[in-house]
Amino acid sequence: MKEGKLVPMEVIIGLLRAAMVRSGASDFLIDGFPRALDQAEMFERMVKPAELVLAFDCPEEVMEERLLKRGKTSGRSDDNAATIRKRFETFAGQSLPVITHYEQLGKCHRISAVPAPEEVFEAVQAAMERSKAEAKLLEAAKVVFVLGGPGSGKGTQCERVVAKYGHTHLSAGDLLRDEVKSGSELGRQCEAIMKEGKLVPMEVSGDHRAVRAAMVRSGASDFLIDGFPRALDQAEMFERMVKPAELVLAFDCPKEVMEERLLKRGKTSGRSDDNAATIRKRFETFVSQSVPVITHYEQLGKCHRISAIPAPEEVFEAVQAVIEGKAVATIAPPPNEDVQMVVPLAPGELHPDASIVFVLGGPGSGKGTQCERIVAKYGHTHLSAGDLLRDEVKSGSQVGRQCEAIMKEGKLVPMEVTIALIRNAMVRSGASDFLIDGFPRAMDQALAFEQMIKPCSQSLPVISHYEQLGKCHRISAVPPPDEVFSMVCQALEPTARASLSVTPASQQPQKAAGSESGAGGADVEPALAFA
């Protein structure tokens, strides 16, 4: 600061995070931060996303009058007319985009700061109480995405699910059509795009906000969300800003069958997009944008493909099996794999309070020794990816035989298979505290693991990644095991502070394309990583 340079943003956020940890509190007001979008992004990556944003609106002339009055007694050098105007320019250029960003996420409440403080505070209380009520409702909600090509029968099956199980049915398409019927400017934009058989861009439609608002209005707890998400960015945004889906129903149907159904429906539906030319464009859009969503959820072990060709009654039998937990999801093969490896997911869910510790370090660094001691002292369940793979091979299962064949050729077992085996072991154990030893070994494994358990936000080298998140404790493995274990115990104590890697932004690795993902499973993330 004496040199007139900016303190690295990572340091500022590290200090904020440390203050939060030291306080021992659970509810925080962070005032005057973030002041720019890059600060918002880094805070949410290194600490956690904000639940609510309060933005106080006030005309510049009112703010200037207040600041000049304050300047008479504050002694602050920046409370003068010239500096105040520069501060207004900075706020408009850097901080207003932050407010707009959180408005787009449905998290920002604008409050007029012109009235008396008591009146302003009434609006603040209303915003905070509304936010808490919404958060409580969404936390308890269970979401089922219903996907399939146009004319695959999604709506018919949703009606049956609602009748039998009482779910609340929300259709992203209906919400868009309602907007079109309203005659609003947004509705006219959407109508023009839909007539061309294209998807309405998320930044135009705000699909996740509309669906979230409908969920909140309904007050329900079980939702069928039909025809959404239609693209991967919608899936990521919904799961980040609302919540992860519990499962996904994907209805398979040949194009010719869907086209025949849609043309028949078009005779009575009155929908402008139920015509042959638009239908074909919608098929193309579905294949290019929505099929990758289905594949994505298959990779997460959440997707159930159901043939939509049989009679509706027969299709519904398959749907019931999924909803009642009698059907097993499968994991899609990685691209360009010749052999599909299907890992049946163990029934049940991870412990809701599960805590995961990754134990990383080079060969011979003593990871195994320290894991044994942690298990003995703290009772963690110790899992080794290598041991799980070897056990699967020994079991003689189909997956085991496939893994053995791949390993004999010197190839890597698909990481989705490894992660599914880890997940199954965690579920079967019934435990809540886990040590995962020697995994992840590469950033793609870390990303895939956190996608299948909880979304990961950025692609960085593994140890550096967890340092950036303030979760990594570097421990020297040179001393005797007893001394090393003493340091491990200190790190495992709840009050321990993780080391913070401070790297200038210009030297940070660039984010990998497509590395942000909104998909996730149970609300579990690696609580700690040792290196």
Protein backbone atom coordinates (compact mmCIF):
# COMPACT_ATOMS: atom_id res chain seq x y z
CA MET A 1 0.00 0.00 0.00
CA LYS A 2 2.91 2.41 0.73
CA GLU A 3 4.02 1.87 -2.88
CA GLY A 4 0.59 2.89 -4.09
CA LYS A 5 -0.15 -0.63 -5.35
CA LEU A 6 -3.34 -2.63 -4.88
CA VAL A 7 -3.32 -5.41 -2.31
CA PRO A 8 -3.91 -8.71 -4.19
CA MET A 9 -7.61 -9.57 -4.20
CA GLU A 10 -6.84 -13.07 -2.92
CA VAL A 11 -5.32 -11.55 0.23
CA ILE A 12 -8.36 -9.34 0.90
CA ILE A 13 -10.75 -12.26 0.45
CA GLY A 14 -8.49 -14.45 2.58
CA LEU A 15 -8.70 -11.86 5.36
CA LEU A 16 -12.49 -11.72 5.06
CA ARG A 17 -12.70 -15.50 5.21
CA ALA A 18 -10.38 -15.65 8.23
CA ALA A 19 -12.49 -13.04 10.05
CA MET A 20 -15.61 -15.10 9.36
CA VAL A 21 -13.96 -18.26 10.72
CA ARG A 22 -12.61 -16.48 13.83
CA SER A 23 -16.02 -15.01 14.65
CA GLY A 24 -17.61 -18.45 14.98
CA ALA A 25 -20.84 -16.88 13.70
CA SER A 26 -23.19 -18.28 11.07
CA ASP A 27 -24.84 -15.14 9.66
CA PHE A 28 -22.78 -12.34 8.10
CA LEU A 29 -23.35 -8.88 6.66
CA ILE A 30 -20.47 -7.91 4.36
CA ASP A 31 -20.64 -4.19 3.73
CA GLY A 32 -19.33 -2.45 0.60
CA PHE A 33 -18.08 -5.68 -0.96
CA PRO A 34 -17.76 -6.94 -3.68
CA ARG A 35 -17.08 -3.71 -5.55
CA ALA A 36 -16.45 -5.36 -8.92
CA LEU A 37 -17.52 -8.56 -10.69
CA ASP A 38 -14.12 -10.23 -10.42
CA GLN A 39 -14.26 -9.74 -6.63
CA ALA A 40 -17.72 -11.33 -6.53
CA GLU A 41 -16.58 -14.33 -8.57
CA MET A 42 -13.46 -14.90 -6.47
CA PHE A 43 -15.28 -14.53 -3.14
CA GLU A 44 -17.92 -17.07 -4.17
CA ARG A 45 -15.18 -19.47 -5.31
CA MET A 46 -12.94 -19.09 -2.26
CA VAL A 47 -15.62 -18.74 0.42
CA LYS A 48 -19.22 -19.40 -0.64
CA PRO A 49 -22.03 -17.86 -2.69
CA ALA A 50 -24.03 -15.03 -1.13
CA GLU A 51 -27.56 -15.87 -0.02
CA LEU A 52 -28.86 -12.33 -0.48
CA VAL A 53 -27.73 -8.95 -1.80
CA LEU A 54 -29.13 -5.68 -0.44
CA ALA A 55 -28.62 -2.79 -2.87
CA PHE A 56 -29.49 0.68 -1.60
CA ASP A 57 -30.68 3.08 -4.32
CA CYS A 58 -30.12 6.77 -3.74
CA PRO A 59 -29.83 9.75 -6.16
CA GLU A 60 -26.32 11.14 -6.48
CA GLU A 61 -27.35 14.59 -5.26
CA VAL A 62 -28.74 13.11 -2.03
CA MET A 63 -25.61 11.01 -1.47
CA GLU A 64 -23.35 13.99 -2.20
CA GLU A 65 -25.25 16.16 0.28
CA ARG A 66 -24.94 13.47 2.97
CA LEU A 67 -21.21 12.95 2.36
CA LEU A 68 -20.40 16.65 2.40
CA LYS A 69 -22.30 16.99 5.67
CA ARG A 70 -20.40 14.01 7.10
CA GLY A 71 -17.12 15.50 5.88
CA LYS A 72 -17.51 18.44 8.24
CA THR A 73 -16.95 16.14 11.24
CA SER A 74 -15.55 12.84 9.90
CA GLY A 75 -12.03 14.02 9.18
CA ARG A 76 -12.01 11.70 6.14
CA SER A 77 -9.90 13.08 3.31
CA ASP A 78 -12.20 11.58 0.67
CA ASP A 79 -15.29 13.43 1.92
CA ASN A 80 -14.84 16.38 -0.46
CA ALA A 81 -16.80 17.33 -3.57
CA ALA A 82 -14.13 16.42 -6.16
CA THR A 83 -13.31 13.02 -4.64
CA ILE A 84 -16.97 12.23 -4.03
CA ARG A 85 -17.76 12.65 -7.75
CA LYS A 86 -14.88 10.35 -8.68
CA ARG A 87 -16.20 7.78 -6.22
CA PHE A 88 -19.64 8.02 -7.86
CA GLU A 89 -18.02 7.38 -11.28
CA THR A 90 -16.16 4.36 -9.91
CA PHE A 91 -19.33 3.00 -8.33
CA ALA A 92 -21.30 3.40 -11.57
CA GLY A 93 -18.57 1.81 -13.67
CA GLN A 94 -17.59 -1.10 -11.41
CA SER A 95 -20.19 -1.73 -8.69
CA LEU A 96 -23.45 -1.27 -10.60
CA PRO A 97 -22.60 -4.28 -12.83
CA VAL A 98 -22.30 -6.34 -9.61
CA ILE A 99 -25.83 -5.33 -8.63
CA THR A 100 -27.10 -6.16 -12.13
CA HIS A 101 -25.35 -9.55 -11.93
CA TYR A 102 -27.08 -10.50 -8.68
CA GLU A 103 -30.42 -9.21 -10.00
CA GLN A 104 -30.04 -11.63 -12.92
CA LEU A 105 -29.42 -14.40 -10.38
CA GLY A 106 -32.61 -13.47 -8.52
CA LYS A 107 -30.69 -12.67 -5.32
CA CYS A 108 -30.70 -8.86 -5.25
CA HIS A 109 -33.22 -6.67 -3.45
CA ARG A 110 -33.09 -2.99 -4.42
CA ILE A 111 -34.18 -0.74 -1.57
CA SER A 112 -34.71 3.02 -1.75
CA ALA A 113 -32.34 4.75 0.66
CA VAL A 114 -34.09 8.14 0.36
CA PRO A 115 -36.66 7.76 3.19
CA ALA A 116 -35.84 8.01 6.90
CA PRO A 117 -33.61 5.20 8.26
CA GLU A 118 -36.54 3.60 10.13
CA GLU A 119 -38.56 3.32 6.93
CA VAL A 120 -35.57 1.97 5.00
CA PHE A 121 -35.01 -0.63 7.71
CA GLU A 122 -38.61 -1.85 7.39
CA ALA A 123 -37.87 -2.64 3.73
CA VAL A 124 -34.60 -4.35 4.77
CA GLN A 125 -36.43 -6.55 7.28
CA ALA A 126 -39.04 -7.53 4.70
CA ALA A 127 -36.32 -8.47 2.18
CA MET A 128 -34.37 -10.54 4.70
CA GLU A 129 -37.43 -12.37 6.00
CA ARG A 130 -38.61 -13.12 2.46
CA SER A 131 -35.15 -14.41 1.55
CA LYS A 132 -35.01 -16.71 4.59
CA ALA A 133 -38.46 -18.11 3.86
CA GLU A 134 -37.53 -18.79 0.23
CA ALA A 135 -34.23 -20.42 1.23
CA LYS A 136 -36.01 -22.70 3.72
CA LEU A 137 -38.56 -23.75 1.10
CA LEU A 138 -35.93 -24.42 -1.58
CA GLU A 139 -33.71 -26.34 0.84
CA ALA A 140 -36.51 -28.82 1.45
CA ALA A 141 -37.53 -29.03 -2.23
CA LYS A 142 -36.87 -32.09 -4.37
CA VAL A 143 -36.51 -31.48 -8.09
CA VAL A 144 -37.03 -33.93 -10.96
CA PHE A 145 -36.07 -32.72 -14.43
CA VAL A 146 -38.18 -34.18 -17.27
CA LEU A 147 -36.37 -34.14 -20.60
CA GLY A 148 -37.11 -35.45 -24.07
CA GLY A 149 -37.56 -34.32 -27.64
CA PRO A 150 -40.61 -32.32 -28.74
CA GLY A 151 -43.55 -34.70 -28.92
CA SER A 152 -41.94 -37.38 -26.76
CA GLY A 153 -44.87 -37.34 -24.33
CA LYS A 154 -43.31 -35.46 -21.42
CA GLY A 155 -46.49 -33.58 -20.63
CA THR A 156 -48.66 -36.71 -20.60
CA GLN A 157 -46.33 -38.48 -18.18
CA CYS A 158 -46.08 -35.40 -15.97
CA GLU A 159 -49.88 -35.33 -15.64
CA ARG A 160 -49.82 -38.95 -14.48
CA VAL A 161 -47.02 -38.33 -11.99
CA VAL A 162 -48.92 -35.35 -10.55
CA ALA A 163 -52.11 -37.42 -10.23
CA LYS A 164 -50.38 -40.35 -8.50
CA TYR A 165 -47.63 -38.71 -6.43
CA GLY A 166 -48.81 -35.13 -5.96
CA HIS A 167 -45.77 -33.40 -7.46
CA THR A 168 -46.07 -29.79 -8.58
CA HIS A 169 -45.59 -29.63 -12.35
CA LEU A 170 -43.75 -26.66 -13.83
CA SER A 171 -43.18 -26.29 -17.55
CA ALA A 172 -40.49 -23.90 -18.71
CA GLY A 173 -42.22 -23.83 -22.10
CA ASP A 174 -45.55 -22.82 -20.54
CA LEU A 175 -43.84 -20.05 -18.58
CA LEU A 176 -42.33 -18.73 -21.81
CA ARG A 177 -45.64 -18.99 -23.69
CA ASP A 178 -47.36 -17.11 -20.87
CA GLU A 179 -44.79 -14.36 -21.30
CA VAL A 180 -45.51 -14.28 -25.06
CA LYS A 181 -49.28 -14.05 -24.42
CA SER A 182 -48.71 -11.13 -22.06
CA GLY A 183 -47.60 -9.05 -25.06
CA SER A 184 -44.57 -7.67 -23.17
CA GLU A 185 -41.39 -6.63 -24.96
CA LEU A 186 -39.72 -9.75 -23.56
CA GLY A 187 -42.64 -11.83 -24.83
CA ARG A 188 -42.27 -10.42 -28.35
CA GLN A 189 -38.52 -11.18 -28.35
CA CYS A 190 -39.19 -14.76 -27.19
CA GLU A 191 -41.93 -15.30 -29.78
CA ALA A 192 -39.65 -14.25 -32.66
CA ILE A 193 -36.92 -16.66 -31.50
CA MET A 194 -39.34 -19.57 -30.90
CA LYS A 195 -40.87 -19.22 -34.38
CA GLU A 196 -37.42 -20.00 -35.79
CA GLY A 197 -37.27 -23.20 -33.74
CA LYS A 198 -34.39 -21.85 -31.64
CA LEU A 199 -33.88 -21.83 -27.89
CA VAL A 200 -34.57 -18.55 -26.16
CA PRO A 201 -31.17 -17.54 -24.71
CA MET A 202 -30.96 -17.72 -20.93
CA GLU A 203 -29.93 -14.08 -20.66
CA VAL A 204 -33.14 -13.13 -22.49
CA SER A 205 -35.63 -15.48 -20.84
CA GLY A 206 -34.13 -15.81 -17.36
CA ASP A 207 -35.57 -19.36 -17.29
CA HIS A 208 -34.05 -20.30 -13.95
CA ARG A 209 -35.47 -17.16 -12.33
CA ALA A 210 -38.95 -17.83 -13.71
CA VAL A 211 -38.87 -21.46 -12.56
CA ARG A 212 -37.48 -20.50 -9.13
CA ALA A 213 -40.18 -17.88 -8.68
CA ALA A 214 -42.87 -20.41 -9.63
CA MET A 215 -41.42 -22.90 -7.11
CA VAL A 216 -41.50 -20.30 -4.35
CA ARG A 217 -45.05 -19.19 -5.20
CA SER A 218 -46.32 -22.77 -5.12
CA GLY A 219 -45.04 -23.43 -1.58
CA ALA A 220 -44.67 -27.11 -2.57
CA SER A 221 -41.77 -29.46 -1.86
CA ASP A 222 -41.76 -31.92 -4.80
CA PHE A 223 -41.37 -30.60 -8.32
CA LEU A 224 -41.46 -31.94 -11.85
CA ILE A 225 -39.74 -29.43 -14.10
CA ASP A 226 -40.69 -30.25 -17.65
CA GLY A 227 -38.59 -29.38 -20.70
CA PHE A 228 -35.84 -27.80 -18.63
CA PRO A 229 -32.89 -27.46 -18.65
CA ARG A 230 -32.64 -27.33 -22.44
CA ALA A 231 -28.90 -26.59 -22.55
CA LEU A 232 -25.90 -27.16 -20.29
CA ASP A 233 -25.60 -23.50 -19.29
CA GLN A 234 -29.20 -23.58 -18.07
CA ALA A 235 -28.48 -26.71 -16.04
CA GLU A 236 -25.40 -25.12 -14.48
CA MET A 237 -27.18 -21.88 -13.65
CA PHE A 238 -30.26 -23.58 -12.17
CA GLU A 239 -28.26 -25.94 -9.99
CA ARG A 240 -26.00 -23.14 -8.80
CA MET A 241 -28.75 -20.62 -8.13
CA VAL A 242 -31.69 -22.85 -7.12
CA LYS A 243 -30.60 -26.39 -6.22
CA PRO A 244 -29.36 -29.65 -7.79
CA ALA A 245 -31.89 -32.04 -9.30
CA GLU A 246 -32.55 -35.30 -7.46
CA LEU A 247 -33.02 -37.25 -10.68
CA VAL A 248 -33.69 -36.81 -14.40
CA LEU A 249 -36.27 -38.58 -16.56
CA ALA A 250 -35.26 -38.65 -20.24
CA PHE A 251 -37.83 -39.90 -22.74
CA ASP A 252 -36.39 -41.53 -25.88
CA CYS A 253 -38.47 -41.42 -29.04
CA PRO A 254 -37.60 -41.60 -32.79
CA LYS A 255 -37.92 -38.36 -34.74
CA GLU A 256 -40.57 -39.73 -37.10
CA VAL A 257 -42.82 -40.73 -34.18
CA MET A 258 -42.41 -37.34 -32.50
CA GLU A 259 -43.09 -35.50 -35.77
CA GLU A 260 -46.28 -37.47 -36.37
CA ARG A 261 -47.48 -36.69 -32.82
CA LEU A 262 -46.68 -32.99 -33.12
CA LEU A 263 -48.40 -32.54 -36.48
CA LYS A 264 -51.48 -34.25 -35.06
CA ARG A 265 -51.36 -31.97 -32.01
CA GLY A 266 -50.90 -28.91 -34.24
CA LYS A 267 -54.37 -29.38 -35.70
CA THR A 268 -55.93 -28.43 -32.35
CA SER A 269 -53.22 -26.85 -30.19
CA GLY A 270 -53.03 -23.47 -31.90
CA ARG A 271 -49.29 -23.39 -31.16
CA SER A 272 -47.29 -21.48 -33.79
CA ASP A 273 -44.36 -23.89 -33.48
CA ASP A 274 -46.42 -27.03 -34.27
CA ASN A 275 -45.70 -26.98 -38.02
CA ALA A 276 -43.43 -29.24 -40.08
CA ALA A 277 -40.66 -26.69 -40.78
CA THR A 278 -40.39 -25.48 -37.18
CA ILE A 279 -40.66 -29.02 -35.81
CA ARG A 280 -37.56 -30.10 -37.78
CA LYS A 281 -35.64 -27.08 -36.53
CA ARG A 282 -36.70 -27.94 -32.98
CA PHE A 283 -35.36 -31.48 -33.47
CA GLU A 284 -32.02 -30.09 -34.61
CA THR A 285 -31.89 -27.77 -31.60
CA PHE A 286 -32.77 -30.63 -29.25
CA VAL A 287 -30.02 -32.86 -30.62
CA SER A 288 -27.34 -30.15 -30.54
CA GLN A 289 -28.19 -28.53 -27.20
CA SER A 290 -30.43 -30.76 -25.07
CA VAL A 291 -28.97 -34.21 -25.72
CA PRO A 292 -25.66 -33.08 -24.11
CA VAL A 293 -27.69 -32.25 -20.98
CA ILE A 294 -28.99 -35.83 -20.86
CA THR A 295 -25.46 -37.19 -21.35
CA HIS A 296 -24.23 -34.89 -18.58
CA TYR A 297 -26.74 -36.26 -16.08
CA GLU A 298 -25.95 -39.80 -17.16
CA GLN A 299 -22.34 -39.09 -16.26
CA LEU A 300 -23.57 -38.01 -12.82
CA GLY A 301 -25.57 -41.23 -12.38
CA LYS A 302 -28.86 -39.31 -12.10
CA CYS A 303 -30.49 -39.93 -15.47
CA HIS A 304 -33.02 -42.63 -16.34
CA ARG A 305 -33.69 -43.13 -20.06
CA ILE A 306 -37.23 -44.36 -20.75
CA SER A 307 -38.62 -45.42 -24.12
CA ALA A 308 -41.55 -43.18 -25.06
CA ILE A 309 -42.69 -45.40 -27.95
CA PRO A 310 -45.10 -47.74 -26.06
CA ALA A 311 -48.59 -46.78 -24.94
CA PRO A 312 -48.68 -44.10 -22.20
CA GLU A 313 -49.73 -46.68 -19.58
CA GLU A 314 -46.66 -48.80 -20.29
CA VAL A 315 -44.35 -45.77 -20.29
CA PHE A 316 -45.79 -44.73 -16.93
CA GLU A 317 -44.96 -48.11 -15.42
CA ALA A 318 -41.28 -47.37 -16.15
CA VAL A 319 -41.67 -43.86 -14.72
CA GLN A 320 -43.16 -45.23 -11.50
CA ALA A 321 -40.24 -47.62 -11.09
CA VAL A 322 -37.84 -44.69 -11.25
CA ILE A 323 -39.75 -42.45 -8.85
CA GLU A 324 -40.20 -45.28 -6.36
CA GLY A 325 -36.49 -46.04 -6.45
CA LYS A 326 -36.84 -49.45 -8.08
CA ALA A 327 -34.83 -48.57 -11.21
CA VAL A 328 -31.07 -48.13 -11.38
CA ALA A 329 -29.49 -45.15 -13.10
CA THR A 330 -26.56 -45.81 -15.40
CA ILE A 331 -23.40 -43.88 -16.10
CA ALA A 332 -22.82 -42.99 -19.74
CA PRO A 333 -19.52 -44.08 -21.32
CA PRO A 334 -16.90 -41.39 -21.85
CA PRO A 335 -16.74 -40.07 -25.44
CA ASN A 336 -15.19 -42.41 -28.00
CA GLU A 337 -15.20 -45.42 -25.66
CA ASP A 338 -16.06 -48.63 -27.44
CA VAL A 339 -17.39 -50.41 -24.37
CA GLN A 340 -20.10 -49.01 -22.14
CA MET A 341 -19.32 -49.54 -18.47
CA VAL A 342 -22.45 -49.43 -16.37
CA VAL A 343 -21.96 -49.12 -12.62
CA PRO A 344 -25.20 -49.77 -10.71
CA LEU A 345 -25.50 -47.11 -8.03
CA ALA A 346 -25.83 -48.38 -4.48
CA PRO A 347 -29.30 -47.63 -3.10
CA GLY A 348 -29.50 -44.80 -0.62
CA GLU A 349 -27.93 -41.38 -0.26
CA LEU A 350 -24.80 -39.98 1.28
CA HIS A 351 -25.05 -38.90 4.90
CA PRO A 352 -26.52 -35.36 4.83
CA ASP A 353 -23.66 -34.07 7.04
CA ALA A 354 -20.92 -35.98 5.24
CA SER A 355 -17.44 -34.48 5.45
CA ILE A 356 -14.73 -35.44 2.99
CA VAL A 357 -10.98 -35.08 3.48
CA PHE A 358 -8.75 -35.60 0.43
CA VAL A 359 -5.29 -36.87 1.35
CA LEU A 360 -2.74 -35.96 -1.33
CA GLY A 361 1.00 -36.40 -1.60
CA GLY A 362 3.68 -38.05 -3.69
CA PRO A 363 4.53 -41.77 -3.59
CA GLY A 364 6.29 -42.60 -0.32
CA SER A 365 5.13 -39.42 1.41
CA GLY A 366 3.51 -41.45 4.19
CA LYS A 367 -0.14 -40.91 3.32
CA GLY A 368 -1.13 -44.44 4.27
CA THR A 369 0.55 -44.27 7.67
CA GLN A 370 -1.17 -41.02 8.56
CA CYS A 371 -4.54 -42.30 7.32
CA GLU A 372 -4.27 -45.27 9.69
CA ARG A 373 -3.61 -42.92 12.60
CA ILE A 374 -6.51 -40.61 11.67
CA VAL A 375 -8.86 -43.58 11.51
CA ALA A 376 -7.69 -44.77 14.93
CA LYS A 377 -8.00 -41.35 16.59
CA TYR A 378 -10.99 -39.74 14.83
CA GLY A 379 -12.93 -42.70 13.43
CA HIS A 380 -12.96 -41.56 9.80
CA THR A 381 -13.78 -44.10 7.10
CA HIS A 382 -10.70 -44.55 4.91
CA LEU A 383 -11.25 -45.13 1.19
CA SER A 384 -8.60 -45.76 -1.43
CA ALA A 385 -9.57 -45.51 -5.10
CA GLY A 386 -6.92 -48.05 -6.02
CA ASP A 387 -8.16 -50.56 -3.44
CA LEU A 388 -11.75 -50.13 -4.59
CA LEU A 389 -10.77 -50.83 -8.20
CA ARG A 390 -8.77 -53.90 -7.19
CA ASP A 391 -11.67 -55.16 -5.07
CA GLU A 392 -14.05 -54.72 -8.03
CA VAL A 393 -11.71 -56.76 -10.24
CA LYS A 394 -11.48 -59.51 -7.58
CA SER A 395 -15.28 -59.62 -7.31
CA GLY A 396 -15.51 -60.93 -10.88
CA SER A 397 -18.38 -58.55 -11.71
CA GLN A 398 -18.95 -57.39 -15.27
CA VAL A 399 -17.51 -53.98 -14.36
CA GLY A 400 -14.57 -55.69 -12.67
CA ARG A 401 -13.83 -57.77 -15.77
CA GLN A 402 -14.03 -54.68 -17.97
CA CYS A 403 -11.70 -52.77 -15.60
CA GLU A 404 -9.23 -55.65 -15.61
CA ALA A 405 -9.19 -55.78 -19.41
CA ILE A 406 -8.59 -52.02 -19.62
CA MET A 407 -5.82 -52.11 -17.00
CA LYS A 408 -4.08 -55.03 -18.75
CA GLU A 409 -3.87 -52.87 -21.88
CA GLY A 410 -2.18 -50.16 -19.83
CA LYS A 411 -5.14 -47.82 -20.19
CA LEU A 412 -6.85 -45.79 -17.47
CA VAL A 413 -10.22 -46.93 -16.14
CA PRO A 414 -12.76 -44.17 -16.96
CA MET A 415 -12.78 -41.78 -14.02
CA GLU A 416 -16.59 -41.82 -13.92
CA VAL A 417 -16.36 -45.52 -13.03
CA THR A 418 -13.79 -44.88 -10.30
CA ILE A 419 -15.88 -42.08 -8.82
CA ALA A 420 -19.04 -44.21 -8.93
CA LEU A 421 -17.19 -46.94 -6.98
CA ILE A 422 -16.09 -44.37 -4.39
CA ARG A 423 -19.64 -43.03 -4.12
CA ASN A 424 -21.06 -46.54 -3.66
CA ALA A 425 -18.52 -47.30 -0.93
CA MET A 426 -19.42 -44.06 0.86
CA VAL A 427 -23.15 -44.81 0.70
CA ARG A 428 -22.76 -48.43 1.83
CA SER A 429 -20.57 -47.44 4.78
CA GLY A 430 -23.31 -45.26 6.28
CA ALA A 431 -20.53 -43.09 7.68
CA SER A 432 -20.32 -39.31 7.76
CA ASP A 433 -16.56 -38.64 7.84
CA PHE A 434 -14.31 -39.86 5.03
CA LEU A 435 -10.61 -39.90 4.19
CA ILE A 436 -10.09 -40.37 0.46
CA ASP A 437 -6.49 -41.32 -0.06
CA GLY A 438 -4.49 -40.58 -3.22
CA PHE A 439 -7.46 -39.11 -5.02
CA PRO A 440 -7.98 -36.95 -7.03
CA ARG A 441 -4.69 -37.29 -8.89
CA ALA A 442 -5.49 -34.76 -11.61
CA MET A 443 -7.72 -31.74 -11.97
CA ASP A 444 -10.19 -33.50 -14.29
CA GLN A 445 -10.70 -36.12 -11.57
CA ALA A 446 -11.28 -33.39 -8.97
CA LEU A 447 -13.82 -31.69 -11.24
CA ALA A 448 -15.60 -34.95 -12.05
CA PHE A 449 -15.72 -35.96 -8.37
CA GLU A 450 -17.15 -32.63 -7.32
CA GLN A 451 -19.67 -32.74 -10.18
CA MET A 452 -20.97 -36.12 -9.01
CA ILE A 453 -21.02 -35.07 -5.36
CA LYS A 454 -21.14 -31.27 -5.54
CA PRO A 455 -20.31 -28.76 -8.31
CA CYS A 456 -16.77 -27.46 -8.63
CA SER A 457 -16.26 -23.87 -9.80
CA GLN A 458 -12.91 -23.66 -11.52
CA SER A 459 -10.18 -25.69 -13.17
CA LEU A 460 -6.79 -25.31 -11.43
CA PRO A 461 -4.00 -27.76 -10.51
CA VAL A 462 -5.39 -29.93 -7.70
CA ILE A 463 -3.38 -28.79 -4.67
CA SER A 464 -3.26 -25.17 -5.85
CA HIS A 465 -7.03 -25.37 -6.45
CA TYR A 466 -7.78 -26.32 -2.84
CA GLU A 467 -5.31 -23.73 -1.57
CA GLN A 468 -7.22 -21.09 -3.53
CA LEU A 469 -10.40 -22.31 -1.82
CA GLY A 470 -8.68 -22.02 1.58
CA LYS A 471 -9.13 -25.75 2.23
CA CYS A 472 -5.61 -27.10 1.83
CA HIS A 473 -3.15 -27.73 4.66
CA ARG A 474 0.42 -28.36 3.48
CA ILE A 475 2.16 -30.67 5.95
CA SER A 476 5.82 -31.63 5.85
CA ALA A 477 6.22 -35.40 5.62
CA VAL A 478 9.94 -35.25 6.41
CA PRO A 479 9.78 -35.55 10.25
CA PRO A 480 9.02 -38.84 12.06
CA PRO A 481 5.44 -40.12 11.74
CA ASP A 482 4.53 -39.01 15.30
CA GLU A 483 5.52 -35.43 14.57
CA VAL A 484 3.72 -35.47 11.22
CA PHE A 485 0.60 -36.83 12.91
CA SER A 486 0.69 -34.03 15.47
CA MET A 487 0.45 -31.53 12.61
CA VAL A 488 -2.37 -33.58 11.04
CA CYS A 489 -4.32 -33.44 14.32
CA GLN A 490 -3.92 -29.67 14.45
CA ALA A 491 -5.26 -29.37 10.90
CA LEU A 492 -8.27 -31.55 11.70
CA GLU A 493 -9.32 -29.39 14.64
CA PRO A 494 -12.37 -27.28 13.72
CA THR A 495 -10.59 -23.99 14.37
CA ALA A 496 -7.63 -24.74 12.13
CA ARG A 497 -6.96 -22.25 9.35
CA ALA A 498 -6.03 -23.59 5.96
CA SER A 499 -3.06 -22.11 4.14
CA LEU A 500 -3.89 -19.54 1.47
CA SER A 501 -1.99 -19.53 -1.77
CA VAL A 502 -1.60 -15.93 -2.93
CA THR A 503 -1.00 -15.86 -6.66
CA PRO A 504 -1.30 -12.70 -8.72
CA ALA A 505 -4.27 -12.98 -11.05
CA SER A 506 -2.01 -12.55 -14.06
CA GLN A 507 -0.14 -15.73 -13.10
CA GLN A 508 -3.18 -17.86 -12.37
CA PRO A 509 -3.99 -20.72 -14.75
CA GLN A 510 -6.82 -19.87 -17.09
CA LYS A 511 -10.23 -21.42 -16.53
CA ALA A 512 -10.77 -24.42 -18.76
CA ALA A 513 -13.60 -24.17 -21.24
CA GLY A 514 -16.70 -25.80 -19.87
CA SER A 515 -15.10 -26.33 -16.47
CA GLU A 516 -17.91 -24.62 -14.59
CA SER A 517 -20.75 -26.98 -13.88
CA GLY A 518 -23.93 -26.59 -12.04
CA ALA A 519 -24.76 -30.23 -11.78
CA GLY A 520 -24.45 -31.85 -8.40
CA GLY A 521 -25.64 -34.50 -6.01
CA ALA A 522 -25.84 -34.48 -2.23
CA ASP A 523 -24.83 -31.23 -0.57
CA VAL A 524 -21.35 -32.49 0.19
CA GLU A 525 -18.00 -31.07 -0.75
CA PRO A 526 -14.42 -31.88 0.22
CA ALA A 527 -14.10 -30.21 3.62
CA LEU A 528 -10.32 -30.40 3.66
CA ALA A 529 -7.37 -31.47 1.56
CA PHE A 530 -3.95 -32.47 2.85
CA ALA A 531 -0.88 -32.10 0.65
